[in-house]
């Protein structure tokens, strides 16, 4: 079996599962319980003036 065929087999089987797991994790990451304050701060960041204190 050549390297190409080995990589192709990996991409067709386990690679798809790994990419799906990464996708689901990244989609669910903002909804974790501890992220509420970070999300709120990121949402309001565009309204902060450079003269405002931190």
PDB file of N, CA and C in Angstrom:
ATOM      1  N   UNK A   1       0.847  -1.176   0.000  1.00  0.00           N
ATOM      2  CA  UNK A   1       0.000   0.000   0.000  1.00  0.00           C
ATOM      3  C   UNK A   1       0.895   1.242   0.000  1.00  0.00           C
ATOM      4  N   UNK A   2       0.622   2.152  -0.893  1.00  0.00           N
ATOM      5  CA  UNK A   2       1.440   3.356  -0.986  1.00  0.00           C
ATOM      6  C   UNK A   2       1.030   4.368   0.077  1.00  0.00           C
ATOM      7  N   UNK A   3       1.836   5.383   0.226  1.00  0.00           N
ATOM      8  CA  UNK A   3       1.548   6.437   1.202  1.00  0.00           C
ATOM      9  C   UNK A   3       0.246   7.146   0.831  1.00  0.00           C
ATOM     10  N   UNK A   4       0.048   7.389  -0.440  1.00  0.00           N
ATOM     11  CA  UNK A   4      -1.180   8.039  -0.891  1.00  0.00           C
ATOM     12  C   UNK A   4      -2.409   7.227  -0.500  1.00  0.00           C
ATOM     13  N   UNK A   5      -2.368   5.923  -0.743  1.00  0.00           N
ATOM     14  CA  UNK A   5      -3.512   5.081  -0.409  1.00  0.00           C
ATOM     15  C   UNK A   5      -3.744   5.026   1.096  1.00  0.00           C
ATOM     16  N   UNK A   6      -2.680   5.035   1.870  1.00  0.00           N
ATOM     17  CA  UNK A   6      -2.817   5.023   3.327  1.00  0.00           C
ATOM     18  C   UNK A   6      -3.462   6.312   3.809  1.00  0.00           C
ATOM     19  N   UNK A   7      -2.988   7.452   3.306  1.00  0.00           N
ATOM     20  CA  UNK A   7      -3.567   8.735   3.696  1.00  0.00           C
ATOM     21  C   UNK A   7      -5.004   8.865   3.208  1.00  0.00           C
ATOM     22  N   UNK A   8      -5.271   8.344   2.042  1.00  0.00           N
ATOM     23  CA  UNK A   8      -6.634   8.400   1.504  1.00  0.00           C
ATOM     24  C   UNK A   8      -7.581   7.570   2.354  1.00  0.00           C
ATOM     25  N   UNK A   9      -7.132   6.408   2.777  1.00  0.00           N
ATOM     26  CA  UNK A   9      -7.952   5.560   3.643  1.00  0.00           C
ATOM     27  C   UNK A   9      -8.208   6.261   4.978  1.00  0.00           C
ATOM     28  N   UNK A  10      -7.183   6.893   5.546  1.00  0.00           N
ATOM     29  CA  UNK A  10      -7.351   7.616   6.806  1.00  0.00           C
ATOM     30  C   UNK A  10      -8.345   8.761   6.651  1.00  0.00           C
ATOM     31  N   UNK A  11      -8.226   9.514   5.561  1.00  0.00           N
ATOM     32  CA  UNK A  11      -9.126  10.649   5.338  1.00  0.00           C
ATOM     33  C   UNK A  11     -10.565  10.186   5.115  1.00  0.00           C
ATOM     34  N   UNK A  12     -10.738   9.063   4.492  1.00  0.00           N
ATOM     35  CA  UNK A  12     -12.081   8.552   4.225  1.00  0.00           C
ATOM     36  C   UNK A  12     -12.737   7.949   5.465  1.00  0.00           C
ATOM     37  N   UNK A  13     -11.960   7.545   6.443  1.00  0.00           N
ATOM     38  CA  UNK A  13     -12.552   6.880   7.603  1.00  0.00           C
ATOM     39  C   UNK A  13     -12.392   7.724   8.867  1.00  0.00           C
ATOM     40  N   UNK A  14     -11.222   7.700   9.455  1.00  0.00           N
ATOM     41  CA  UNK A  14     -11.014   8.373  10.739  1.00  0.00           C
ATOM     42  C   UNK A  14     -10.906   9.880  10.593  1.00  0.00           C
ATOM     43  N   UNK A  15     -10.401  10.363   9.503  1.00  0.00           N
ATOM     44  CA  UNK A  15     -10.274  11.799   9.288  1.00  0.00           C
ATOM     45  C   UNK A  15     -11.624  12.490   9.311  1.00  0.00           C
ATOM     46  N   UNK A  16     -12.615  11.855   8.734  1.00  0.00           N
ATOM     47  CA  UNK A  16     -13.961  12.424   8.720  1.00  0.00           C
ATOM     48  C   UNK A  16     -14.524  12.517  10.140  1.00  0.00           C
ATOM     49  N   UNK A  17     -14.284  11.501  10.944  1.00  0.00           N
ATOM     50  CA  UNK A  17     -14.757  11.502  12.332  1.00  0.00           C
ATOM     51  C   UNK A  17     -14.046  12.590  13.131  1.00  0.00           C
ATOM     52  N   UNK A  18     -12.756  12.740  12.931  1.00  0.00           N
ATOM     53  CA  UNK A  18     -11.987  13.763  13.638  1.00  0.00           C
ATOM     54  C   UNK A  18     -12.459  15.156  13.237  1.00  0.00           C
ATOM     55  N   UNK A  19     -12.647  15.397  11.952  1.00  0.00           N
ATOM     56  CA  UNK A  19     -13.118  16.712  11.501  1.00  0.00           C
ATOM     57  C   UNK A  19     -14.517  17.008  12.025  1.00  0.00           C
ATOM     58  N   UNK A  20     -15.391  16.013  12.082  1.00  0.00           N
ATOM     59  CA  UNK A  20     -16.733  16.197  12.620  1.00  0.00           C
ATOM     60  C   UNK A  20     -16.671  16.534  14.111  1.00  0.00           C
ATOM     61  N   UNK A  21     -15.811  15.855  14.849  1.00  0.00           N
ATOM     62  CA  UNK A  21     -15.671  16.130  16.283  1.00  0.00           C
ATOM     63  C   UNK A  21     -15.142  17.541  16.520  1.00  0.00           C
ATOM     64  N   UNK A  22     -14.180  17.979  15.727  1.00  0.00           N
ATOM     65  CA  UNK A  22     -13.647  19.340  15.854  1.00  0.00           C
ATOM     66  C   UNK A  22     -14.728  20.357  15.518  1.00  0.00           C
ATOM     67  N   UNK A  23     -15.505  20.113  14.480  1.00  0.00           N
ATOM     68  CA  UNK A  23     -16.571  21.021  14.078  1.00  0.00           C
ATOM     69  C   UNK A  23     -17.622  21.163  15.181  1.00  0.00           C
ATOM     70  N   UNK A  24     -18.050  20.046  15.744  1.00  0.00           N
ATOM     71  CA  UNK A  24     -19.070  20.079  16.800  1.00  0.00           C
ATOM     72  C   UNK A  24     -18.524  20.783  18.038  1.00  0.00           C
ATOM     73  N   UNK A  25     -17.267  20.531  18.379  1.00  0.00           N
ATOM     74  CA  UNK A  25     -16.644  21.190  19.532  1.00  0.00           C
ATOM     75  C   UNK A  25     -16.572  22.693  19.332  1.00  0.00           C
ATOM     76  N   UNK A  26     -16.153  23.138  18.158  1.00  0.00           N
ATOM     77  CA  UNK A  26     -16.044  24.573  17.899  1.00  0.00           C
ATOM     78  C   UNK A  26     -17.407  25.249  17.839  1.00  0.00           C
ATOM     79  N   UNK A  27     -18.421  24.543  17.377  1.00  0.00           N
ATOM     80  CA  UNK A  27     -19.774  25.113  17.358  1.00  0.00           C
ATOM     81  C   UNK A  27     -20.357  25.214  18.759  1.00  0.00           C
ATOM     82  N   UNK A  28     -20.035  24.275  19.634  1.00  0.00           N
ATOM     83  CA  UNK A  28     -20.587  24.261  20.983  1.00  0.00           C
ATOM     84  C   UNK A  28     -19.786  25.117  21.958  1.00  0.00           C
ATOM     85  N   UNK A  29     -18.549  25.481  21.610  1.00  0.00           N
ATOM     86  CA  UNK A  29     -17.655  26.203  22.522  1.00  0.00           C
ATOM     87  C   UNK A  29     -18.262  27.499  23.075  1.00  0.00           C
ATOM     88  N   UNK A  30     -18.897  28.360  22.302  1.00  0.00           N
ATOM     89  CA  UNK A  30     -19.466  29.596  22.871  1.00  0.00           C
ATOM     90  C   UNK A  30     -20.632  29.358  23.822  1.00  0.00           C
ATOM     91  N   UNK A  31     -21.234  28.189  23.793  1.00  0.00           N
ATOM     92  CA  UNK A  31     -22.405  27.909  24.612  1.00  0.00           C
ATOM     93  C   UNK A  31     -22.076  27.200  25.929  1.00  0.00           C
ATOM     94  N   UNK A  32     -20.793  27.047  26.235  1.00  0.00           N
ATOM     95  CA  UNK A  32     -20.429  26.399  27.491  1.00  0.00           C
ATOM     96  C   UNK A  32     -20.803  27.315  28.657  1.00  0.00           C
ATOM     97  N   UNK A  33     -21.027  26.750  29.840  1.00  0.00           N
ATOM     98  CA  UNK A  33     -21.531  27.551  30.964  1.00  0.00           C
ATOM     99  C   UNK A  33     -20.620  28.708  31.379  1.00  0.00           C
ATOM    100  N   UNK A  34     -19.320  28.561  31.315  1.00  0.00           N
ATOM    101  CA  UNK A  34     -18.417  29.605  31.785  1.00  0.00           C
ATOM    102  C   UNK A  34     -18.135  30.699  30.772  1.00  0.00           C
ATOM    103  N   UNK A  35     -18.739  30.658  29.620  1.00  0.00           N
ATOM    104  CA  UNK A  35     -18.407  31.596  28.551  1.00  0.00           C
ATOM    105  C   UNK A  35     -19.300  32.822  28.503  1.00  0.00           C
ATOM    106  N   UNK A  36     -20.261  32.923  29.403  1.00  0.00           N
ATOM    107  CA  UNK A  36     -21.240  34.006  29.322  1.00  0.00           C
ATOM    108  C   UNK A  36     -20.567  35.380  29.424  1.00  0.00           C
ATOM    109  N   UNK A  37     -19.684  35.551  30.375  1.00  0.00           N
ATOM    110  CA  UNK A  37     -19.022  36.841  30.556  1.00  0.00           C
ATOM    111  C   UNK A  37     -18.092  37.160  29.375  1.00  0.00           C
ATOM    112  N   UNK A  38     -17.397  36.170  28.873  1.00  0.00           N
ATOM    113  CA  UNK A  38     -16.508  36.393  27.722  1.00  0.00           C
ATOM    114  C   UNK A  38     -17.306  36.785  26.481  1.00  0.00           C
ATOM    115  N   UNK A  39     -18.432  36.129  26.264  1.00  0.00           N
ATOM    116  CA  UNK A  39     -19.274  36.448  25.110  1.00  0.00           C
ATOM    117  C   UNK A  39     -19.850  37.856  25.225  1.00  0.00           C
ATOM    118  N   UNK A  40     -20.288  38.222  26.421  1.00  0.00           N
ATOM    119  CA  UNK A  40     -20.849  39.549  26.632  1.00  0.00           C
ATOM    120  C   UNK A  40     -19.778  40.628  26.422  1.00  0.00           C
ATOM    121  N   UNK A  41     -18.574  40.386  26.930  1.00  0.00           N
ATOM    122  CA  UNK A  41     -17.488  41.345  26.756  1.00  0.00           C
ATOM    123  C   UNK A  41     -17.105  41.489  25.284  1.00  0.00           C
ATOM    124  N   UNK A  42     -17.071  40.392  24.560  1.00  0.00           N
ATOM    125  CA  UNK A  42     -16.748  40.439  23.134  1.00  0.00           C
ATOM    126  C   UNK A  42     -17.828  41.162  22.342  1.00  0.00           C
ATOM    127  N   UNK A  43     -19.087  40.967  22.729  1.00  0.00           N
ATOM    128  CA  UNK A  43     -20.188  41.619  22.026  1.00  0.00           C
ATOM    129  C   UNK A  43     -20.175  43.128  22.237  1.00  0.00           C
ATOM    130  N   UNK A  44     -19.759  43.575  23.406  1.00  0.00           N
ATOM    131  CA  UNK A  44     -19.758  45.005  23.717  1.00  0.00           C
ATOM    132  C   UNK A  44     -18.429  45.691  23.399  1.00  0.00           C
ATOM    133  N   UNK A  45     -17.460  44.938  22.948  1.00  0.00           N
ATOM    134  CA  UNK A  45     -16.135  45.495  22.682  1.00  0.00           C
ATOM    135  C   UNK A  45     -16.166  46.564  21.591  1.00  0.00           C
ATOM    136  N   UNK A  46     -17.014  46.432  20.601  1.00  0.00           N
ATOM    137  CA  UNK A  46     -17.044  47.386  19.502  1.00  0.00           C
ATOM    138  C   UNK A  46     -17.595  48.736  19.930  1.00  0.00           C
ATOM    139  N   UNK A  47     -18.309  48.795  21.058  1.00  0.00           N
ATOM    140  CA  UNK A  47     -18.882  50.047  21.540  1.00  0.00           C
ATOM    141  C   UNK A  47     -17.945  50.789  22.480  1.00  0.00           C
ATOM    142  N   UNK A  48     -16.832  50.190  22.812  1.00  0.00           N
ATOM    143  CA  UNK A  48     -15.903  50.791  23.763  1.00  0.00           C
ATOM    144  C   UNK A  48     -15.054  51.834  23.041  1.00  0.00           C
ATOM    145  N   UNK A  49     -14.962  53.008  23.615  1.00  0.00           N
ATOM    146  CA  UNK A  49     -14.160  54.087  23.040  1.00  0.00           C
ATOM    147  C   UNK A  49     -12.734  53.961  23.555  1.00  0.00           C
ATOM    148  N   UNK A  50     -11.802  54.433  22.777  1.00  0.00           N
ATOM    149  CA  UNK A  50     -10.409  54.331  23.205  1.00  0.00           C
ATOM    150  C   UNK A  50     -10.126  55.216  24.418  1.00  0.00           C
ATOM    151  N   UNK A  51     -10.961  56.206  24.692  1.00  0.00           N
ATOM    152  CA  UNK A  51     -10.782  57.067  25.851  1.00  0.00           C
ATOM    153  C   UNK A  51     -11.424  56.494  27.112  1.00  0.00           C
ATOM    154  N   UNK A  52     -12.235  55.454  26.957  1.00  0.00           N
ATOM    155  CA  UNK A  52     -12.859  54.820  28.118  1.00  0.00           C
ATOM    156  C   UNK A  52     -11.813  54.031  28.888  1.00  0.00           C
ATOM    157  N   UNK A  53     -12.004  53.926  30.180  1.00  0.00           N
ATOM    158  CA  UNK A  53     -11.132  53.096  30.986  1.00  0.00           C
ATOM    159  C   UNK A  53     -11.451  51.637  30.777  1.00  0.00           C
ATOM    160  N   UNK A  54     -10.550  50.794  31.195  1.00  0.00           N
ATOM    161  CA  UNK A  54     -10.782  49.362  31.010  1.00  0.00           C
ATOM    162  C   UNK A  54     -11.534  48.783  32.139  1.00  0.00           C
TER     163      UNK A  54
END
